[in-house]
Amino acid sequence: MENVTKLFNQATIQKVVAARGIDTTKLPTKEELDHQTIDWANAGVIANRKRYYYHMSVWSGGVPLRFSFNDWQVDKQPNQAKARELGNQAFKLARQLETNQFNVALAGGPGVGKTSLALAIMYQLMGVGQTAMFVSTAELLRLVNEKYEAPDVRQRLLYVLKDMQNVDVL
């Protein structure tokens, strides 16, 4: 308040405070403001880490895919009861992964929803603050094969492999 009073006289400050309905007895302390600033900065760091790892994902065709549990449509599957059961199991796994880290492997034939449910799990975990990357094995193999011909691909591959080891959810 002392710095402000150097720019404005006390009467002007009181007019502004009264006009805005500010209760000066409820203003935060310096410690509270410092704590809020630290929380804000930490949230920014976490958001940047999440964006970085997501950006380092290796998508087929370079096109990011989005899928949530709300997008899981059991009526589009040949065996709706099995699809409902698998969707529920994946959701439960995602909830468990929010607090415990463990490996999950999804297996099945083409078109049964492995990628969709993996993405739903990934986005669920990103929503609770975990970093995540999606890596298409087909696209990763393409990068590995191209690394001998293109130095920029080799560099990208090195970053991707390093990040795959450090991300929370792969």
C-alpha atoms as a PDB file:
ATOM      1  CA  MET A   1       0.000   0.000   0.000  1.00  0.00           C
ATOM      2  CA  GLU A   2       2.954   2.339   0.651  1.00  0.00           C
ATOM      3  CA  ASN A   3       4.126   2.182  -2.989  1.00  0.00           C
ATOM      4  CA  VAL A   4       0.621   2.960  -4.208  1.00  0.00           C
ATOM      5  CA  THR A   5       0.329   5.948  -1.876  1.00  0.00           C
ATOM      6  CA  LYS A   6       3.427   7.437  -3.509  1.00  0.00           C
ATOM      7  CA  LEU A   7       1.490   7.573  -6.815  1.00  0.00           C
ATOM      8  CA  PHE A   8      -1.932   8.458  -5.440  1.00  0.00           C
ATOM      9  CA  ASN A   9      -2.970  10.372  -2.398  1.00  0.00           C
ATOM     10  CA  GLN A  10      -4.813   8.548   0.371  1.00  0.00           C
ATOM     11  CA  ALA A  11      -8.154  10.176  -0.476  1.00  0.00           C
ATOM     12  CA  THR A  12      -8.027   8.923  -4.069  1.00  0.00           C
ATOM     13  CA  ILE A  13      -7.232   5.418  -2.886  1.00  0.00           C
ATOM     14  CA  GLN A  14     -10.138   5.461  -0.425  1.00  0.00           C
ATOM     15  CA  LYS A  15     -12.516   6.596  -3.190  1.00  0.00           C
ATOM     16  CA  VAL A  16     -11.436   3.748  -5.470  1.00  0.00           C
ATOM     17  CA  VAL A  17     -11.694   1.212  -2.640  1.00  0.00           C
ATOM     18  CA  ALA A  18     -15.174   2.422  -1.721  1.00  0.00           C
ATOM     19  CA  ALA A  19     -16.344   2.569  -5.351  1.00  0.00           C
ATOM     20  CA  ARG A  20     -15.202  -1.006  -5.994  1.00  0.00           C
ATOM     21  CA  GLY A  21     -16.564  -2.324  -2.710  1.00  0.00           C
ATOM     22  CA  ILE A  22     -13.176  -3.672  -1.628  1.00  0.00           C
ATOM     23  CA  ASP A  23     -12.910  -4.877   1.958  1.00  0.00           C
ATOM     24  CA  THR A  24      -9.323  -3.972   2.859  1.00  0.00           C
ATOM     25  CA  THR A  25      -9.463  -6.198   5.942  1.00  0.00           C
ATOM     26  CA  LYS A  26      -9.750  -9.250   3.680  1.00  0.00           C
ATOM     27  CA  LEU A  27      -6.829  -8.538   1.362  1.00  0.00           C
ATOM     28  CA  PRO A  28      -4.298 -11.401   1.138  1.00  0.00           C
ATOM     29  CA  THR A  29      -1.059 -11.188   3.069  1.00  0.00           C
ATOM     30  CA  LYS A  30       2.329 -11.136   1.343  1.00  0.00           C
ATOM     31  CA  GLU A  31       2.817 -14.783   2.350  1.00  0.00           C
ATOM     32  CA  GLU A  32      -0.537 -15.755   0.859  1.00  0.00           C
ATOM     33  CA  LEU A  33       0.291 -13.911  -2.373  1.00  0.00           C
ATOM     34  CA  ASP A  34       3.704 -15.609  -2.476  1.00  0.00           C
ATOM     35  CA  HIS A  35       2.055 -19.008  -1.971  1.00  0.00           C
ATOM     36  CA  GLN A  36      -0.478 -18.291  -4.739  1.00  0.00           C
ATOM     37  CA  THR A  37       2.338 -17.232  -7.065  1.00  0.00           C
ATOM     38  CA  ILE A  38       4.286 -20.425  -6.355  1.00  0.00           C
ATOM     39  CA  ASP A  39       1.155 -22.545  -6.942  1.00  0.00           C
ATOM     40  CA  TRP A  40       0.493 -20.696 -10.207  1.00  0.00           C
ATOM     41  CA  ALA A  41       4.106 -21.174 -11.346  1.00  0.00           C
ATOM     42  CA  ASN A  42       4.057 -24.892 -10.449  1.00  0.00           C
ATOM     43  CA  ALA A  43       0.794 -25.354 -12.339  1.00  0.00           C
ATOM     44  CA  GLY A  44       2.425 -23.673 -15.345  1.00  0.00           C
ATOM     45  CA  VAL A  45       5.429 -25.995 -15.188  1.00  0.00           C
ATOM     46  CA  ILE A  46       3.165 -29.054 -15.015  1.00  0.00           C
ATOM     47  CA  ALA A  47       1.051 -27.791 -17.924  1.00  0.00           C
ATOM     48  CA  ASN A  48       4.193 -27.192 -20.000  1.00  0.00           C
ATOM     49  CA  ARG A  49       5.480 -30.699 -19.238  1.00  0.00           C
ATOM     50  CA  LYS A  50       2.137 -32.193 -20.246  1.00  0.00           C
ATOM     51  CA  ARG A  51       2.126 -30.215 -23.519  1.00  0.00           C
ATOM     52  CA  TYR A  52       5.738 -31.153 -24.264  1.00  0.00           C
ATOM     53  CA  TYR A  53       5.240 -34.900 -23.875  1.00  0.00           C
ATOM     54  CA  TYR A  54       1.954 -34.822 -25.760  1.00  0.00           C
ATOM     55  CA  HIS A  55       3.704 -32.920 -28.568  1.00  0.00           C
ATOM     56  CA  MET A  56       6.426 -35.611 -28.660  1.00  0.00           C
ATOM     57  CA  SER A  57       3.827 -38.324 -29.335  1.00  0.00           C
ATOM     58  CA  VAL A  58       4.334 -40.356 -32.500  1.00  0.00           C
ATOM     59  CA  TRP A  59       1.018 -40.536 -34.337  1.00  0.00           C
ATOM     60  CA  SER A  60       0.283 -42.585 -37.447  1.00  0.00           C
ATOM     61  CA  GLY A  61       0.289 -40.146 -40.330  1.00  0.00           C
ATOM     62  CA  GLY A  62       1.252 -37.378 -37.906  1.00  0.00           C
ATOM     63  CA  VAL A  63      -2.403 -36.823 -36.965  1.00  0.00           C
ATOM     64  CA  PRO A  64      -3.208 -36.752 -33.233  1.00  0.00           C
ATOM     65  CA  LEU A  65      -6.186 -38.863 -32.209  1.00  0.00           C
ATOM     66  CA  ARG A  66      -8.620 -38.001 -29.430  1.00  0.00           C
ATOM     67  CA  PHE A  67     -10.809 -40.519 -27.697  1.00  0.00           C
ATOM     68  CA  SER A  68     -12.471 -40.537 -24.286  1.00  0.00           C
ATOM     69  CA  PHE A  69     -14.528 -43.088 -22.423  1.00  0.00           C
ATOM     70  CA  ASN A  70     -17.615 -41.082 -23.412  1.00  0.00           C
ATOM     71  CA  ASP A  71     -16.769 -41.836 -27.055  1.00  0.00           C
ATOM     72  CA  TRP A  72     -16.812 -45.619 -26.495  1.00  0.00           C
ATOM     73  CA  GLN A  73     -19.932 -46.824 -28.298  1.00  0.00           C
ATOM     74  CA  VAL A  74     -20.742 -50.412 -27.447  1.00  0.00           C
ATOM     75  CA  ASP A  75     -23.528 -50.511 -30.029  1.00  0.00           C
ATOM     76  CA  LYS A  76     -20.901 -50.244 -32.815  1.00  0.00           C
ATOM     77  CA  GLN A  77     -19.225 -53.465 -31.672  1.00  0.00           C
ATOM     78  CA  PRO A  78     -20.311 -56.936 -32.809  1.00  0.00           C
ATOM     79  CA  ASN A  79     -20.420 -58.203 -29.213  1.00  0.00           C
ATOM     80  CA  GLN A  80     -21.975 -55.378 -27.213  1.00  0.00           C
ATOM     81  CA  ALA A  81     -21.828 -57.167 -23.871  1.00  0.00           C
ATOM     82  CA  LYS A  82     -18.101 -57.837 -24.309  1.00  0.00           C
ATOM     83  CA  ALA A  83     -17.506 -54.261 -25.504  1.00  0.00           C
ATOM     84  CA  ARG A  84     -19.302 -52.877 -22.428  1.00  0.00           C
ATOM     85  CA  GLU A  85     -17.224 -55.143 -20.171  1.00  0.00           C
ATOM     86  CA  LEU A  86     -13.955 -54.105 -21.859  1.00  0.00           C
ATOM     87  CA  GLY A  87     -14.865 -50.414 -21.647  1.00  0.00           C
ATOM     88  CA  ASN A  88     -15.654 -50.768 -17.939  1.00  0.00           C
ATOM     89  CA  GLN A  89     -12.399 -52.660 -17.303  1.00  0.00           C
ATOM     90  CA  ALA A  90     -10.399 -49.978 -19.117  1.00  0.00           C
ATOM     91  CA  PHE A  91     -12.139 -47.250 -17.110  1.00  0.00           C
ATOM     92  CA  LYS A  92     -11.379 -49.062 -13.845  1.00  0.00           C
ATOM     93  CA  LEU A  93      -7.757 -49.485 -14.911  1.00  0.00           C
ATOM     94  CA  ALA A  94      -7.528 -45.762 -15.650  1.00  0.00           C
ATOM     95  CA  ARG A  95      -8.903 -44.939 -12.203  1.00  0.00           C
ATOM     96  CA  GLN A  96      -6.382 -47.298 -10.572  1.00  0.00           C
ATOM     97  CA  LEU A  97      -3.561 -45.778 -12.628  1.00  0.00           C
ATOM     98  CA  GLU A  98      -4.435 -42.348 -11.272  1.00  0.00           C
ATOM     99  CA  THR A  99      -2.850 -43.348  -7.957  1.00  0.00           C
ATOM    100  CA  ASN A 100      -0.767 -46.480  -8.692  1.00  0.00           C
ATOM    101  CA  GLN A 101       1.688 -47.045 -11.500  1.00  0.00           C
ATOM    102  CA  PHE A 102       1.696 -50.417 -13.225  1.00  0.00           C
ATOM    103  CA  ASN A 103       1.945 -51.759 -16.758  1.00  0.00           C
ATOM    104  CA  VAL A 104      -1.071 -52.533 -18.909  1.00  0.00           C
ATOM    105  CA  ALA A 105      -1.025 -54.488 -22.170  1.00  0.00           C
ATOM    106  CA  LEU A 106      -4.009 -54.470 -24.513  1.00  0.00           C
ATOM    107  CA  ALA A 107      -4.244 -57.417 -26.893  1.00  0.00           C
ATOM    108  CA  GLY A 108      -6.693 -58.401 -29.576  1.00  0.00           C
ATOM    109  CA  GLY A 109      -7.328 -58.476 -33.272  1.00  0.00           C
ATOM    110  CA  PRO A 110      -7.571 -55.440 -35.519  1.00  0.00           C
ATOM    111  CA  GLY A 111     -10.546 -53.155 -35.029  1.00  0.00           C
ATOM    112  CA  VAL A 112     -11.585 -54.330 -31.562  1.00  0.00           C
ATOM    113  CA  GLY A 113     -10.826 -50.995 -29.841  1.00  0.00           C
ATOM    114  CA  LYS A 114      -7.332 -51.377 -28.366  1.00  0.00           C
ATOM    115  CA  THR A 115      -6.155 -47.992 -29.606  1.00  0.00           C
ATOM    116  CA  SER A 116      -9.411 -46.290 -28.661  1.00  0.00           C
ATOM    117  CA  LEU A 117      -9.329 -47.596 -25.094  1.00  0.00           C
ATOM    118  CA  ALA A 118      -5.586 -46.845 -24.765  1.00  0.00           C
ATOM    119  CA  LEU A 119      -6.295 -43.259 -25.818  1.00  0.00           C
ATOM    120  CA  ALA A 120      -9.222 -43.023 -23.393  1.00  0.00           C
ATOM    121  CA  ILE A 121      -6.954 -44.199 -20.566  1.00  0.00           C
ATOM    122  CA  MET A 122      -4.252 -41.752 -21.646  1.00  0.00           C
ATOM    123  CA  TYR A 123      -6.593 -38.754 -21.756  1.00  0.00           C
ATOM    124  CA  GLN A 124      -8.136 -39.735 -18.411  1.00  0.00           C
ATOM    125  CA  LEU A 125      -4.690 -39.744 -16.825  1.00  0.00           C
ATOM    126  CA  MET A 126      -3.689 -36.481 -18.486  1.00  0.00           C
ATOM    127  CA  GLY A 127      -6.810 -34.988 -16.939  1.00  0.00           C
ATOM    128  CA  VAL A 128      -5.467 -35.722 -13.457  1.00  0.00           C
ATOM    129  CA  GLY A 129      -2.065 -34.176 -14.184  1.00  0.00           C
ATOM    130  CA  GLN A 130       0.036 -37.029 -15.512  1.00  0.00           C
ATOM    131  CA  THR A 131       2.262 -36.591 -18.540  1.00  0.00           C
ATOM    132  CA  ALA A 132       1.451 -38.885 -21.446  1.00  0.00           C
ATOM    133  CA  MET A 133       2.698 -39.856 -24.879  1.00  0.00           C
ATOM    134  CA  PHE A 134       1.112 -41.963 -27.566  1.00  0.00           C
ATOM    135  CA  VAL A 135       3.550 -43.868 -29.769  1.00  0.00           C
ATOM    136  CA  SER A 136       2.314 -45.736 -32.811  1.00  0.00           C
ATOM    137  CA  THR A 137       4.571 -48.752 -33.225  1.00  0.00           C
ATOM    138  CA  ALA A 138       4.134 -48.632 -37.018  1.00  0.00           C
ATOM    139  CA  GLU A 139       5.149 -44.957 -37.121  1.00  0.00           C
ATOM    140  CA  LEU A 140       8.040 -45.577 -34.719  1.00  0.00           C
ATOM    141  CA  LEU A 141       9.318 -48.343 -37.008  1.00  0.00           C
ATOM    142  CA  ARG A 142       9.081 -45.941 -39.958  1.00  0.00           C
ATOM    143  CA  LEU A 143      11.200 -43.410 -38.043  1.00  0.00           C
ATOM    144  CA  VAL A 144      13.754 -46.079 -37.171  1.00  0.00           C
ATOM    145  CA  ASN A 145      14.017 -47.067 -40.843  1.00  0.00           C
ATOM    146  CA  GLU A 146      14.343 -43.422 -41.963  1.00  0.00           C
ATOM    147  CA  LYS A 147      16.971 -42.446 -39.395  1.00  0.00           C
ATOM    148  CA  TYR A 148      19.809 -43.558 -41.672  1.00  0.00           C
ATOM    149  CA  GLU A 149      18.712 -41.263 -44.499  1.00  0.00           C
ATOM    150  CA  ALA A 150      17.597 -38.141 -42.643  1.00  0.00           C
ATOM    151  CA  PRO A 151      19.591 -36.531 -39.798  1.00  0.00           C
ATOM    152  CA  ASP A 152      16.518 -34.625 -38.555  1.00  0.00           C
ATOM    153  CA  VAL A 153      14.626 -37.916 -38.211  1.00  0.00           C
ATOM    154  CA  ARG A 154      17.545 -39.393 -36.268  1.00  0.00           C
ATOM    155  CA  GLN A 155      17.460 -36.409 -33.879  1.00  0.00           C
ATOM    156  CA  ARG A 156      13.670 -36.673 -33.440  1.00  0.00           C
ATOM    157  CA  LEU A 157      13.982 -40.395 -32.784  1.00  0.00           C
ATOM    158  CA  LEU A 158      16.595 -39.778 -30.079  1.00  0.00           C
ATOM    159  CA  TYR A 159      14.268 -37.312 -28.335  1.00  0.00           C
ATOM    160  CA  VAL A 160      11.277 -39.641 -28.652  1.00  0.00           C
ATOM    161  CA  LEU A 161      13.187 -42.592 -27.190  1.00  0.00           C
ATOM    162  CA  LYS A 162      14.458 -40.464 -24.283  1.00  0.00           C
ATOM    163  CA  ASP A 163      10.977 -39.080 -23.613  1.00  0.00           C
ATOM    164  CA  MET A 164       9.411 -42.558 -23.744  1.00  0.00           C
ATOM    165  CA  GLN A 165      11.573 -43.415 -20.731  1.00  0.00           C
ATOM    166  CA  ASN A 166      10.625 -40.306 -18.733  1.00  0.00           C
ATOM    167  CA  VAL A 167       6.920 -39.786 -19.406  1.00  0.00           C
ATOM    168  CA  ASP A 168       4.391 -40.878 -16.763  1.00  0.00           C
ATOM    169  CA  VAL A 169       2.098 -42.710 -19.215  1.00  0.00           C
ATOM    170  CA  LEU A 170       3.218 -44.278 -22.488  1.00  0.00           C
END
